[in-house]
N, C-alpha and C. Protein backbone atom coordinates (compact mmCIF):
# COMPACT_ATOMS: atom_id res chain seq x y z
N MET A 1 92.11 59.77 109.49
CA MET A 1 90.72 59.55 109.09
C MET A 1 90.66 58.86 107.73
N LEU A 2 89.78 57.91 107.60
CA LEU A 2 89.65 57.18 106.34
C LEU A 2 89.06 58.07 105.25
N CYS A 3 89.54 57.89 104.02
CA CYS A 3 88.94 58.61 102.90
C CYS A 3 87.61 57.93 102.54
N GLN A 4 86.88 58.51 101.60
CA GLN A 4 85.53 58.03 101.30
C GLN A 4 85.52 56.57 100.86
N TRP A 5 86.38 56.21 99.92
CA TRP A 5 86.34 54.82 99.42
C TRP A 5 86.76 53.83 100.50
N GLU A 6 87.65 54.25 101.40
CA GLU A 6 88.04 53.39 102.49
C GLU A 6 86.90 53.20 103.49
N GLN A 7 86.10 54.24 103.69
CA GLN A 7 84.93 54.14 104.56
C GLN A 7 83.92 53.14 104.00
N VAL A 8 83.74 53.16 102.69
CA VAL A 8 82.80 52.23 102.05
C VAL A 8 83.30 50.79 102.21
N ILE A 9 84.59 50.59 102.01
CA ILE A 9 85.18 49.25 102.18
C ILE A 9 84.98 48.77 103.61
N GLU A 10 85.25 49.62 104.58
CA GLU A 10 85.12 49.23 105.98
C GLU A 10 83.67 48.91 106.34
N ALA A 11 82.74 49.69 105.80
CA ALA A 11 81.32 49.42 106.06
C ALA A 11 80.91 48.07 105.50
N MET A 12 81.42 47.75 104.30
CA MET A 12 81.09 46.46 103.70
C MET A 12 81.74 45.32 104.47
N ARG A 13 82.93 45.54 104.98
CA ARG A 13 83.58 44.52 105.81
C ARG A 13 82.74 44.22 107.04
N GLN A 14 82.27 45.28 107.68
CA GLN A 14 81.47 45.13 108.90
C GLN A 14 80.14 44.42 108.61
N ASN A 15 79.70 44.44 107.35
CA ASN A 15 78.45 43.79 106.97
C ASN A 15 78.67 42.36 106.50
N GLY A 16 79.87 41.86 106.62
CA GLY A 16 80.14 40.49 106.21
C GLY A 16 80.82 40.37 104.87
N GLY A 17 81.28 41.50 104.31
CA GLY A 17 81.98 41.46 103.03
C GLY A 17 81.09 41.72 101.84
N TYR A 18 79.80 41.98 102.05
CA TYR A 18 78.86 42.24 100.96
C TYR A 18 77.84 43.25 101.44
N ALA A 19 77.11 43.86 100.52
CA ALA A 19 76.03 44.79 100.90
C ALA A 19 75.27 45.21 99.66
N THR A 20 74.00 45.54 99.86
CA THR A 20 73.24 46.23 98.81
C THR A 20 73.56 47.71 98.92
N PHE A 21 73.25 48.47 97.87
CA PHE A 21 73.46 49.91 97.95
C PHE A 21 72.61 50.51 99.07
N ASN A 22 71.42 49.99 99.24
CA ASN A 22 70.55 50.50 100.30
C ASN A 22 71.18 50.29 101.67
N GLN A 23 71.81 49.13 101.89
CA GLN A 23 72.49 48.89 103.15
C GLN A 23 73.66 49.85 103.34
N LEU A 24 74.43 50.05 102.28
CA LEU A 24 75.57 50.96 102.38
C LEU A 24 75.14 52.39 102.69
N ASN A 25 74.00 52.80 102.14
CA ASN A 25 73.51 54.14 102.41
C ASN A 25 73.27 54.35 103.91
N HIS A 26 72.95 53.28 104.62
CA HIS A 26 72.71 53.36 106.05
C HIS A 26 73.98 53.10 106.86
N LEU A 27 74.89 52.30 106.31
CA LEU A 27 76.07 51.90 107.06
C LEU A 27 77.21 52.92 107.02
N VAL A 28 77.31 53.63 105.91
CA VAL A 28 78.42 54.58 105.75
C VAL A 28 78.05 55.92 106.36
N ASP A 29 78.91 56.42 107.24
CA ASP A 29 78.69 57.73 107.85
C ASP A 29 79.18 58.81 106.88
N VAL A 30 78.24 59.49 106.25
CA VAL A 30 78.59 60.49 105.23
C VAL A 30 78.46 61.91 105.78
N SER A 31 78.37 62.04 107.09
CA SER A 31 78.14 63.36 107.68
C SER A 31 79.27 64.35 107.38
N GLU A 32 80.49 63.82 107.16
CA GLU A 32 81.63 64.70 106.88
C GLU A 32 81.95 64.78 105.39
N TRP A 33 81.17 64.10 104.57
CA TRP A 33 81.42 64.11 103.13
C TRP A 33 80.99 65.46 102.55
N LYS A 34 81.81 66.02 101.73
CA LYS A 34 81.43 67.26 101.05
C LYS A 34 80.78 66.91 99.72
N SER A 35 79.61 66.31 99.84
CA SER A 35 78.88 65.86 98.65
C SER A 35 77.40 66.11 98.87
N LYS A 36 76.75 66.69 97.86
CA LYS A 36 75.31 66.92 97.94
C LYS A 36 74.53 65.64 97.64
N THR A 37 75.23 64.67 97.04
CA THR A 37 74.57 63.40 96.68
C THR A 37 75.46 62.24 97.15
N PRO A 38 75.56 62.02 98.46
CA PRO A 38 76.45 60.96 98.97
C PRO A 38 76.05 59.57 98.50
N GLU A 39 74.75 59.33 98.30
CA GLU A 39 74.33 58.01 97.83
C GLU A 39 74.88 57.73 96.44
N ALA A 40 74.87 58.75 95.59
CA ALA A 40 75.44 58.60 94.24
C ALA A 40 76.95 58.40 94.34
N SER A 41 77.59 59.06 95.29
CA SER A 41 79.04 58.90 95.47
C SER A 41 79.38 57.48 95.91
N ILE A 42 78.56 56.91 96.79
CA ILE A 42 78.78 55.53 97.22
C ILE A 42 78.65 54.58 96.04
N ARG A 43 77.61 54.77 95.24
CA ARG A 43 77.43 53.90 94.06
C ARG A 43 78.62 54.00 93.12
N ARG A 44 79.08 55.21 92.89
CA ARG A 44 80.20 55.41 91.97
C ARG A 44 81.46 54.73 92.50
N ILE A 45 81.73 54.86 93.79
CA ILE A 45 82.91 54.22 94.38
C ILE A 45 82.85 52.71 94.18
N VAL A 46 81.70 52.11 94.48
CA VAL A 46 81.56 50.66 94.39
C VAL A 46 81.66 50.18 92.94
N GLN A 47 81.05 50.92 92.03
CA GLN A 47 81.00 50.50 90.63
C GLN A 47 82.33 50.71 89.90
N GLU A 48 83.14 51.66 90.37
CA GLU A 48 84.35 52.01 89.62
C GLU A 48 85.64 51.46 90.20
N ARG A 49 85.66 51.12 91.47
CA ARG A 49 86.90 50.68 92.09
C ARG A 49 87.05 49.16 92.02
N ASN A 50 88.29 48.72 91.87
CA ASN A 50 88.58 47.30 91.71
C ASN A 50 88.43 46.49 93.00
N GLU A 51 88.26 47.18 94.11
CA GLU A 51 88.11 46.47 95.38
C GLU A 51 86.75 45.78 95.52
N PHE A 52 85.82 46.06 94.58
CA PHE A 52 84.47 45.53 94.67
C PHE A 52 84.11 44.71 93.43
N PHE A 53 83.22 43.76 93.58
CA PHE A 53 82.67 43.05 92.43
C PHE A 53 81.17 42.86 92.61
N ARG A 54 80.45 42.76 91.50
CA ARG A 54 79.00 42.67 91.54
C ARG A 54 78.54 41.22 91.62
N ILE A 55 77.63 40.95 92.55
CA ILE A 55 77.02 39.62 92.67
C ILE A 55 75.72 39.59 91.86
N GLN A 56 74.88 40.58 92.10
CA GLN A 56 73.63 40.77 91.39
C GLN A 56 73.46 42.28 91.20
N PRO A 57 72.58 42.73 90.31
CA PRO A 57 72.33 44.17 90.24
C PRO A 57 71.96 44.70 91.62
N GLY A 58 72.72 45.70 92.08
CA GLY A 58 72.45 46.30 93.37
C GLY A 58 73.08 45.60 94.55
N LEU A 59 73.70 44.45 94.34
CA LEU A 59 74.33 43.68 95.41
C LEU A 59 75.81 43.48 95.08
N TRP A 60 76.67 44.00 95.94
CA TRP A 60 78.11 43.98 95.68
C TRP A 60 78.86 43.36 96.84
N ALA A 61 80.11 42.97 96.57
CA ALA A 61 80.95 42.37 97.61
C ALA A 61 82.39 42.83 97.42
N LEU A 62 83.19 42.60 98.45
CA LEU A 62 84.61 42.93 98.39
C LEU A 62 85.39 41.83 97.70
N GLU A 63 86.32 42.22 96.86
CA GLU A 63 87.17 41.23 96.20
C GLU A 63 87.92 40.40 97.23
N GLU A 64 88.33 41.01 98.31
CA GLU A 64 89.08 40.29 99.34
C GLU A 64 88.23 39.21 100.01
N ALA A 65 86.90 39.33 99.88
CA ALA A 65 86.00 38.36 100.50
C ALA A 65 85.25 37.53 99.46
N ARG A 66 85.75 37.54 98.21
CA ARG A 66 85.03 36.87 97.11
C ARG A 66 84.71 35.41 97.44
N ASP A 67 85.70 34.64 97.82
CA ASP A 67 85.49 33.21 98.06
C ASP A 67 84.50 32.97 99.19
N SER A 68 84.66 33.69 100.29
CA SER A 68 83.78 33.46 101.44
C SER A 68 82.35 33.87 101.15
N VAL A 69 82.17 34.98 100.44
CA VAL A 69 80.81 35.46 100.13
C VAL A 69 80.12 34.52 99.14
N LEU A 70 80.83 34.12 98.08
CA LEU A 70 80.22 33.23 97.10
C LEU A 70 79.90 31.87 97.72
N THR A 71 80.74 31.43 98.64
CA THR A 71 80.47 30.17 99.34
C THR A 71 79.25 30.33 100.25
N LYS A 72 79.16 31.45 100.95
CA LYS A 72 78.04 31.71 101.86
C LYS A 72 76.70 31.66 101.12
N PHE A 73 76.68 32.24 99.92
CA PHE A 73 75.44 32.29 99.15
C PHE A 73 75.31 31.14 98.14
N GLN A 74 76.23 30.18 98.21
CA GLN A 74 76.23 29.02 97.33
C GLN A 74 76.25 29.42 95.86
N LEU A 75 77.12 30.38 95.54
CA LEU A 75 77.19 30.92 94.18
C LEU A 75 78.48 30.56 93.46
N LYS A 76 79.21 29.59 93.97
CA LYS A 76 80.45 29.18 93.31
C LYS A 76 80.21 28.74 91.88
N ASN A 77 79.11 28.04 91.68
CA ASN A 77 78.71 27.61 90.34
C ASN A 77 77.45 28.38 89.95
N PRO A 78 77.58 29.41 89.08
CA PRO A 78 76.45 30.25 88.72
C PRO A 78 75.29 29.50 88.07
N GLU A 79 75.58 28.32 87.52
CA GLU A 79 74.55 27.55 86.83
C GLU A 79 73.87 26.53 87.75
N SER A 80 74.26 26.47 88.99
CA SER A 80 73.72 25.48 89.91
C SER A 80 72.30 25.83 90.34
N LEU A 81 71.59 24.82 90.85
CA LEU A 81 70.25 25.04 91.37
C LEU A 81 70.28 25.99 92.56
N GLU A 82 71.34 25.91 93.37
CA GLU A 82 71.47 26.79 94.52
C GLU A 82 71.60 28.24 94.10
N ALA A 83 72.38 28.48 93.05
CA ALA A 83 72.56 29.84 92.56
C ALA A 83 71.26 30.39 91.99
N THR A 84 70.52 29.55 91.28
CA THR A 84 69.22 29.97 90.74
C THR A 84 68.25 30.30 91.86
N ALA A 85 68.25 29.48 92.91
CA ALA A 85 67.37 29.72 94.05
C ALA A 85 67.74 31.02 94.75
N PHE A 86 69.04 31.31 94.88
CA PHE A 86 69.48 32.56 95.50
C PHE A 86 68.97 33.75 94.71
N THR A 87 69.14 33.71 93.38
CA THR A 87 68.71 34.80 92.52
C THR A 87 67.22 35.04 92.65
N HIS A 88 66.46 33.95 92.62
CA HIS A 88 65.00 34.05 92.70
C HIS A 88 64.58 34.69 94.02
N ALA A 89 65.15 34.23 95.12
CA ALA A 89 64.78 34.76 96.43
C ALA A 89 65.26 36.20 96.60
N TYR A 90 66.39 36.54 95.98
CA TYR A 90 66.91 37.90 96.08
C TYR A 90 65.91 38.90 95.51
N TYR A 91 65.37 38.60 94.33
CA TYR A 91 64.43 39.53 93.71
C TYR A 91 63.06 39.49 94.38
N GLN A 92 62.68 38.35 94.91
CA GLN A 92 61.48 38.31 95.74
C GLN A 92 61.65 39.25 96.93
N GLY A 93 62.82 39.21 97.55
CA GLY A 93 63.08 40.06 98.71
C GLY A 93 63.01 41.54 98.37
N LEU A 94 63.58 41.92 97.23
CA LEU A 94 63.51 43.32 96.81
C LEU A 94 62.06 43.76 96.65
N LEU A 95 61.26 42.91 96.01
CA LEU A 95 59.85 43.24 95.78
C LEU A 95 59.09 43.36 97.10
N VAL A 96 59.37 42.47 98.03
CA VAL A 96 58.72 42.52 99.34
C VAL A 96 59.10 43.81 100.06
N GLU A 97 60.38 44.16 100.03
CA GLU A 97 60.81 45.37 100.74
C GLU A 97 60.20 46.63 100.13
N ILE A 98 60.09 46.68 98.82
CA ILE A 98 59.47 47.83 98.18
C ILE A 98 57.99 47.92 98.58
N GLY A 99 57.30 46.78 98.57
CA GLY A 99 55.91 46.76 98.99
C GLY A 99 55.74 47.23 100.42
N ASN A 100 56.64 46.78 101.30
CA ASN A 100 56.60 47.22 102.70
C ASN A 100 56.79 48.73 102.80
N PHE A 101 57.72 49.25 102.00
CA PHE A 101 57.98 50.68 102.02
C PHE A 101 56.73 51.46 101.61
N LYS A 102 55.95 50.91 100.71
CA LYS A 102 54.73 51.56 100.25
C LYS A 102 53.55 51.33 101.20
N ASN A 103 53.83 50.72 102.37
CA ASN A 103 52.79 50.43 103.37
C ASN A 103 51.71 49.49 102.84
N LEU A 104 52.12 48.58 101.98
CA LEU A 104 51.23 47.54 101.49
C LEU A 104 51.52 46.25 102.24
N ASP A 105 50.56 45.36 102.32
CA ASP A 105 50.82 44.04 102.89
C ASP A 105 51.49 43.18 101.83
N THR A 106 52.45 42.38 102.26
CA THR A 106 53.25 41.60 101.32
C THR A 106 53.26 40.13 101.70
N CYS A 107 53.32 39.28 100.69
CA CYS A 107 53.27 37.84 100.94
C CYS A 107 54.02 37.09 99.85
N VAL A 108 54.63 35.97 100.22
CA VAL A 108 55.26 35.06 99.27
C VAL A 108 54.62 33.68 99.49
N PRO A 109 54.75 32.76 98.54
CA PRO A 109 54.15 31.43 98.70
C PRO A 109 54.71 30.68 99.90
N ALA A 110 53.91 29.81 100.45
CA ALA A 110 54.32 29.04 101.63
C ALA A 110 55.62 28.29 101.39
N GLN A 111 55.80 27.76 100.18
CA GLN A 111 57.00 26.97 99.89
C GLN A 111 58.27 27.82 99.80
N ASP A 112 58.10 29.16 99.74
CA ASP A 112 59.26 30.05 99.63
C ASP A 112 59.61 30.75 100.93
N LYS A 113 58.81 30.59 101.96
CA LYS A 113 58.99 31.38 103.18
C LYS A 113 60.35 31.18 103.84
N ASN A 114 60.92 29.99 103.69
CA ASN A 114 62.21 29.72 104.32
C ASN A 114 63.40 30.00 103.41
N ARG A 115 63.13 30.36 102.15
CA ARG A 115 64.22 30.76 101.28
C ARG A 115 64.81 32.06 101.79
N LYS A 116 66.11 32.25 101.59
CA LYS A 116 66.77 33.40 102.18
C LYS A 116 66.99 34.53 101.19
N TYR A 117 66.57 35.70 101.64
CA TYR A 117 66.88 36.95 100.95
C TYR A 117 68.16 37.46 101.61
N LEU A 118 69.29 37.29 100.91
CA LEU A 118 70.60 37.44 101.52
C LEU A 118 70.69 36.44 102.66
N MET A 119 70.73 36.88 103.92
CA MET A 119 70.82 35.91 105.01
C MET A 119 69.54 35.85 105.84
N THR A 120 68.47 36.47 105.36
CA THR A 120 67.22 36.54 106.11
C THR A 120 66.12 35.74 105.42
N PRO A 121 65.46 34.81 106.12
CA PRO A 121 64.34 34.09 105.50
C PRO A 121 63.26 35.06 105.04
N LEU A 122 62.68 34.81 103.90
CA LEU A 122 61.66 35.70 103.36
C LEU A 122 60.50 35.91 104.33
N ARG A 123 60.18 34.90 105.10
CA ARG A 123 59.04 35.03 106.03
C ARG A 123 59.25 36.16 107.03
N GLU A 124 60.51 36.48 107.30
CA GLU A 124 60.80 37.51 108.31
C GLU A 124 60.66 38.93 107.78
N ILE A 125 60.60 39.09 106.47
CA ILE A 125 60.42 40.44 105.93
C ILE A 125 59.03 40.65 105.37
N CYS A 126 58.27 39.58 105.14
CA CYS A 126 56.89 39.72 104.67
C CYS A 126 56.01 40.21 105.81
N SER A 127 55.03 41.03 105.49
CA SER A 127 54.12 41.51 106.52
C SER A 127 53.01 40.51 106.81
N LEU A 128 52.79 39.57 105.91
CA LEU A 128 51.73 38.57 106.09
C LEU A 128 52.33 37.17 106.25
N GLU A 129 51.77 36.42 107.17
CA GLU A 129 52.17 35.02 107.34
C GLU A 129 51.58 34.17 106.24
N LYS A 130 50.34 34.49 105.84
CA LYS A 130 49.71 33.79 104.72
C LYS A 130 48.83 34.74 103.95
N ILE A 131 48.54 34.39 102.73
CA ILE A 131 47.79 35.23 101.83
C ILE A 131 46.35 35.43 102.31
N TYR A 132 45.82 36.65 102.08
CA TYR A 132 44.42 36.88 102.41
C TYR A 132 43.53 36.00 101.54
N ASN A 133 42.45 35.51 102.11
CA ASN A 133 41.50 34.68 101.38
C ASN A 133 40.49 35.59 100.68
N PHE A 134 40.89 36.11 99.51
CA PHE A 134 40.11 37.16 98.87
C PHE A 134 39.18 36.65 97.77
N SER A 135 39.19 35.34 97.49
CA SER A 135 38.33 34.83 96.43
C SER A 135 38.03 33.35 96.68
N TYR A 136 37.42 32.71 95.70
CA TYR A 136 37.04 31.31 95.87
C TYR A 136 38.21 30.37 95.57
N ARG A 137 38.00 29.09 95.83
CA ARG A 137 39.10 28.12 95.89
C ARG A 137 39.96 28.08 94.63
N LYS A 138 39.37 28.05 93.46
CA LYS A 138 40.16 27.93 92.23
C LYS A 138 41.10 29.12 92.07
N ILE A 139 40.58 30.31 92.34
CA ILE A 139 41.41 31.51 92.22
C ILE A 139 42.51 31.51 93.28
N MET A 140 42.16 31.14 94.49
CA MET A 140 43.14 31.14 95.58
C MET A 140 44.25 30.12 95.32
N LYS A 141 43.92 29.03 94.68
CA LYS A 141 44.94 28.03 94.36
C LYS A 141 46.03 28.64 93.49
N GLN A 142 45.64 29.48 92.54
CA GLN A 142 46.61 30.15 91.69
C GLN A 142 47.34 31.27 92.43
N ALA A 143 46.59 32.08 93.16
CA ALA A 143 47.17 33.23 93.84
C ALA A 143 48.22 32.82 94.86
N LYS A 144 48.01 31.69 95.51
CA LYS A 144 48.93 31.24 96.55
C LYS A 144 50.29 30.84 96.01
N THR A 145 50.39 30.66 94.69
CA THR A 145 51.66 30.24 94.09
C THR A 145 52.42 31.40 93.46
N VAL A 146 51.85 32.59 93.42
CA VAL A 146 52.51 33.74 92.81
C VAL A 146 53.69 34.17 93.69
N ASP A 147 54.81 34.50 93.06
CA ASP A 147 56.06 34.74 93.79
C ASP A 147 55.97 35.84 94.84
N VAL A 148 55.34 36.94 94.51
CA VAL A 148 55.11 38.03 95.47
C VAL A 148 53.76 38.66 95.17
N VAL A 149 52.98 38.89 96.23
CA VAL A 149 51.70 39.58 96.07
C VAL A 149 51.67 40.76 97.02
N TRP A 150 51.21 41.91 96.49
CA TRP A 150 50.97 43.09 97.32
C TRP A 150 49.47 43.25 97.51
N PHE A 151 49.08 43.60 98.76
CA PHE A 151 47.67 43.84 99.07
C PHE A 151 47.48 45.28 99.55
N ASN A 152 46.34 45.87 99.16
CA ASN A 152 46.04 47.23 99.61
C ASN A 152 45.38 47.21 100.98
N SER A 153 44.96 48.38 101.46
CA SER A 153 44.38 48.49 102.80
C SER A 153 43.04 47.78 102.93
N ARG A 154 42.42 47.44 101.80
CA ARG A 154 41.14 46.72 101.83
C ARG A 154 41.36 45.21 101.77
N LYS A 155 42.62 44.80 101.87
CA LYS A 155 43.00 43.40 101.86
C LYS A 155 42.68 42.71 100.53
N LEU A 156 42.79 43.49 99.47
CA LEU A 156 42.62 42.97 98.12
C LEU A 156 43.93 43.11 97.36
N PRO A 157 44.23 42.20 96.46
CA PRO A 157 45.51 42.26 95.74
C PRO A 157 45.58 43.46 94.82
N CYS A 158 46.72 44.15 94.83
CA CYS A 158 46.90 45.29 93.93
C CYS A 158 48.05 45.05 92.95
N ALA A 159 48.89 44.04 93.23
CA ALA A 159 49.97 43.71 92.29
C ALA A 159 50.43 42.27 92.50
N PHE A 160 50.67 41.60 91.38
CA PHE A 160 51.19 40.23 91.39
C PHE A 160 52.52 40.24 90.64
N PHE A 161 53.53 39.56 91.19
CA PHE A 161 54.85 39.51 90.57
C PHE A 161 55.31 38.07 90.43
N GLU A 162 55.81 37.75 89.25
CA GLU A 162 56.43 36.45 89.00
C GLU A 162 57.88 36.68 88.59
N VAL A 163 58.81 36.11 89.34
CA VAL A 163 60.23 36.21 89.00
C VAL A 163 60.58 35.06 88.07
N GLU A 164 60.97 35.38 86.85
CA GLU A 164 61.25 34.36 85.83
C GLU A 164 62.72 34.40 85.46
N HIS A 165 63.51 33.59 86.12
CA HIS A 165 64.95 33.61 85.89
C HIS A 165 65.37 32.73 84.72
N SER A 166 64.63 31.66 84.46
CA SER A 166 65.08 30.74 83.41
C SER A 166 63.98 30.08 82.60
N THR A 167 62.74 30.04 83.10
CA THR A 167 61.68 29.34 82.38
C THR A 167 61.08 30.23 81.28
N ASP A 168 60.10 29.70 80.54
CA ASP A 168 59.63 30.39 79.34
C ASP A 168 58.42 31.29 79.54
N PHE A 169 58.08 31.63 80.76
CA PHE A 169 57.02 32.58 81.12
C PHE A 169 55.60 32.02 81.06
N ARG A 170 55.39 30.89 80.42
CA ARG A 170 54.02 30.43 80.19
C ARG A 170 53.29 30.06 81.48
N ARG A 171 54.00 29.46 82.40
CA ARG A 171 53.35 29.10 83.66
C ARG A 171 52.91 30.36 84.42
N SER A 172 53.76 31.37 84.43
CA SER A 172 53.41 32.63 85.10
C SER A 172 52.25 33.32 84.41
N LEU A 173 52.26 33.33 83.08
CA LEU A 173 51.18 33.97 82.34
C LEU A 173 49.86 33.25 82.55
N SER A 174 49.92 31.95 82.72
CA SER A 174 48.70 31.19 83.00
C SER A 174 48.09 31.60 84.34
N LYS A 175 48.95 31.87 85.32
CA LYS A 175 48.45 32.35 86.62
C LYS A 175 47.77 33.70 86.44
N PHE A 176 48.42 34.60 85.71
CA PHE A 176 47.85 35.92 85.51
C PHE A 176 46.52 35.84 84.75
N TYR A 177 46.43 34.90 83.83
CA TYR A 177 45.19 34.73 83.09
C TYR A 177 44.03 34.41 84.05
N GLU A 178 44.29 33.55 85.02
CA GLU A 178 43.25 33.17 85.98
C GLU A 178 42.91 34.31 86.94
N LEU A 179 43.83 35.25 87.11
CA LEU A 179 43.64 36.34 88.06
C LEU A 179 43.21 37.65 87.39
N GLN A 180 42.92 37.61 86.11
CA GLN A 180 42.70 38.83 85.34
C GLN A 180 41.48 39.64 85.75
N ASP A 181 40.53 39.04 86.45
CA ASP A 181 39.31 39.77 86.82
C ASP A 181 39.50 40.71 88.01
N PHE A 182 40.68 40.68 88.61
CA PHE A 182 40.95 41.57 89.73
C PHE A 182 41.64 42.84 89.25
N TYR A 183 41.31 43.94 89.93
CA TYR A 183 41.90 45.23 89.59
C TYR A 183 43.31 45.29 90.18
N ALA A 184 44.23 44.62 89.51
CA ALA A 184 45.61 44.51 90.00
C ALA A 184 46.55 44.55 88.80
N ARG A 185 47.81 44.90 89.09
CA ARG A 185 48.82 44.93 88.04
C ARG A 185 49.59 43.62 88.05
N PHE A 186 50.04 43.22 86.86
CA PHE A 186 50.78 41.98 86.71
C PHE A 186 52.18 42.28 86.17
N PHE A 187 53.19 41.70 86.83
CA PHE A 187 54.57 41.94 86.43
C PHE A 187 55.32 40.63 86.25
N ILE A 188 56.05 40.55 85.13
CA ILE A 188 57.05 39.52 84.95
C ILE A 188 58.39 40.18 85.24
N VAL A 189 59.14 39.62 86.19
CA VAL A 189 60.44 40.17 86.58
C VAL A 189 61.52 39.23 86.06
N ALA A 190 62.41 39.75 85.25
CA ALA A 190 63.42 38.88 84.62
C ALA A 190 64.60 39.72 84.15
N ALA A 191 65.64 39.04 83.69
CA ALA A 191 66.81 39.72 83.14
C ALA A 191 66.42 40.47 81.87
N ARG A 192 67.06 41.60 81.65
CA ARG A 192 66.72 42.45 80.51
C ARG A 192 66.82 41.71 79.18
N GLU A 193 67.80 40.83 79.06
CA GLU A 193 67.99 40.13 77.79
C GLU A 193 66.89 39.12 77.50
N ARG A 194 66.00 38.86 78.44
CA ARG A 194 64.91 37.91 78.22
C ARG A 194 63.63 38.60 77.76
N GLU A 195 63.65 39.91 77.63
CA GLU A 195 62.43 40.62 77.26
C GLU A 195 61.94 40.23 75.86
N ARG A 196 62.86 39.98 74.95
CA ARG A 196 62.45 39.60 73.60
C ARG A 196 61.67 38.29 73.62
N LEU A 197 62.14 37.33 74.42
CA LEU A 197 61.41 36.07 74.55
C LEU A 197 60.05 36.31 75.18
N PHE A 198 59.99 37.16 76.19
CA PHE A 198 58.72 37.48 76.82
C PHE A 198 57.74 38.05 75.80
N GLN A 199 58.19 38.99 74.99
CA GLN A 199 57.31 39.60 73.99
C GLN A 199 56.83 38.57 72.97
N SER A 200 57.69 37.64 72.64
CA SER A 200 57.31 36.59 71.70
C SER A 200 56.23 35.68 72.28
N VAL A 201 56.41 35.30 73.54
CA VAL A 201 55.45 34.40 74.17
C VAL A 201 54.11 35.09 74.40
N ILE A 202 54.12 36.30 74.91
CA ILE A 202 52.86 36.96 75.23
C ILE A 202 52.09 37.38 73.98
N SER A 203 52.74 37.39 72.84
CA SER A 203 52.04 37.72 71.59
C SER A 203 51.20 36.56 71.07
N GLU A 204 51.34 35.38 71.69
CA GLU A 204 50.53 34.23 71.28
C GLU A 204 49.06 34.51 71.56
N SER A 205 48.21 34.00 70.72
CA SER A 205 46.78 34.33 70.78
C SER A 205 46.13 33.96 72.10
N ILE A 206 46.64 32.93 72.76
CA ILE A 206 46.03 32.49 74.01
C ILE A 206 46.10 33.57 75.10
N TYR A 207 47.05 34.52 74.96
CA TYR A 207 47.22 35.56 75.97
C TYR A 207 46.62 36.90 75.56
N THR A 208 45.79 36.90 74.53
CA THR A 208 45.22 38.15 74.03
C THR A 208 44.53 38.95 75.13
N GLU A 209 43.77 38.29 75.98
CA GLU A 209 42.98 38.98 76.99
C GLU A 209 43.82 39.66 78.06
N ILE A 210 45.05 39.21 78.27
CA ILE A 210 45.87 39.82 79.34
C ILE A 210 47.09 40.55 78.79
N ARG A 211 47.27 40.54 77.48
CA ARG A 211 48.50 41.06 76.89
C ARG A 211 48.81 42.49 77.33
N LYS A 212 47.80 43.33 77.37
CA LYS A 212 48.03 44.73 77.74
C LYS A 212 48.11 44.94 79.25
N ARG A 213 47.84 43.90 80.00
CA ARG A 213 47.86 44.01 81.46
C ARG A 213 49.21 43.62 82.07
N VAL A 214 49.97 42.82 81.35
CA VAL A 214 51.22 42.28 81.91
C VAL A 214 52.40 43.15 81.51
N GLU A 215 53.16 43.56 82.51
CA GLU A 215 54.32 44.42 82.29
C GLU A 215 55.61 43.65 82.54
N PHE A 216 56.61 43.96 81.74
CA PHE A 216 57.93 43.36 81.92
C PHE A 216 58.79 44.30 82.73
N LEU A 217 59.35 43.80 83.82
CA LEU A 217 60.20 44.61 84.70
C LEU A 217 61.55 43.92 84.80
N ASP A 218 62.59 44.56 84.26
CA ASP A 218 63.90 43.90 84.29
C ASP A 218 64.60 44.12 85.62
N TYR A 219 65.55 43.25 85.91
CA TYR A 219 66.24 43.28 87.19
C TYR A 219 66.88 44.64 87.48
N GLU A 220 67.48 45.25 86.47
CA GLU A 220 68.17 46.52 86.67
C GLU A 220 67.18 47.61 87.07
N ALA A 221 66.04 47.68 86.39
CA ALA A 221 65.04 48.70 86.71
C ALA A 221 64.50 48.51 88.12
N LEU A 222 64.25 47.27 88.49
CA LEU A 222 63.76 46.98 89.84
C LEU A 222 64.80 47.41 90.88
N THR A 223 66.05 47.07 90.63
CA THR A 223 67.10 47.37 91.59
C THR A 223 67.31 48.87 91.75
N LYS A 224 67.23 49.62 90.66
CA LYS A 224 67.41 51.07 90.74
C LYS A 224 66.35 51.69 91.64
N GLN A 225 65.13 51.19 91.56
CA GLN A 225 64.08 51.72 92.41
C GLN A 225 64.33 51.38 93.88
N TYR A 226 64.83 50.20 94.11
CA TYR A 226 65.09 49.77 95.49
C TYR A 226 66.25 50.56 96.11
N THR A 227 67.30 50.79 95.34
CA THR A 227 68.51 51.37 95.91
C THR A 227 68.46 52.89 96.03
N ASN A 228 67.63 53.54 95.27
CA ASN A 228 67.58 55.00 95.30
C ASN A 228 66.46 55.46 96.22
N GLN A 229 66.81 55.94 97.39
CA GLN A 229 65.80 56.31 98.37
C GLN A 229 64.90 57.43 97.88
N HIS A 230 65.42 58.32 97.12
CA HIS A 230 64.58 59.40 96.61
C HIS A 230 63.57 58.85 95.62
N ALA A 231 63.98 57.86 94.82
CA ALA A 231 63.07 57.26 93.86
C ALA A 231 61.99 56.44 94.56
N LEU A 232 62.33 55.86 95.72
CA LEU A 232 61.37 55.04 96.42
C LEU A 232 60.11 55.83 96.78
N SER A 233 60.26 57.12 97.09
CA SER A 233 59.11 57.92 97.45
C SER A 233 58.20 58.17 96.25
N LYS A 234 58.74 57.88 95.04
CA LYS A 234 57.97 58.10 93.81
C LYS A 234 57.80 56.79 93.06
N ILE A 235 57.90 55.70 93.77
CA ILE A 235 57.97 54.40 93.10
C ILE A 235 56.72 54.06 92.32
N GLY A 236 55.61 54.72 92.64
CA GLY A 236 54.38 54.46 91.91
C GLY A 236 54.48 54.73 90.43
N THR A 237 55.52 55.49 90.00
CA THR A 237 55.66 55.77 88.58
C THR A 237 55.88 54.50 87.77
N LEU A 238 56.43 53.47 88.40
CA LEU A 238 56.62 52.20 87.70
C LEU A 238 55.82 51.08 88.36
N LEU A 239 55.97 50.93 89.66
CA LEU A 239 55.30 49.85 90.36
C LEU A 239 54.06 50.32 91.07
């Protein structure tokens, strides 16, 4: 019988050499594990053993499959446009899945529907084919470009998310400025090290009216909520 770390490796192999923690929680048979927290044990195995390497927060792969996985996701050159597009779609996908878990309607812009979240086009995980027409033309023009939108049961927006991997936040903040009259939360999603730049930009006087409405959500915090099933049931504490 395989030991625990060998079971995790085999599960990841069966998934194509990579997996999110959430996928591993479903793929690994932990019924015989003598652990009260098998999900934590899986995370520890992946994070501590040399057989694994991290692609993105919450997304890991096998060292033995490094070349094939990085080629599959076009990540050989981390600075390439393809790598940036992968990162952007990855976090869009996490946000969509969390929204779906909360039984909210989810949508991404038309131009992003064919981008892949791992190996799945975003359109296949969104609950909406197109955004609800909840306001007049000028507002809808802005709303249709927001990276991820969550809608409540009344078909009104309850959260807007902009994934900012490399730009200076101003374009995203301009969208939020136009959408400020709606009772919705605004999130900038970015790497933790970019928060200082975000705080600098949003402190500009032009953003005074929305400054207290816009929240910074770093990749690690977002991923922790996605990967921890127990936290997902309480996800409203942050999102």
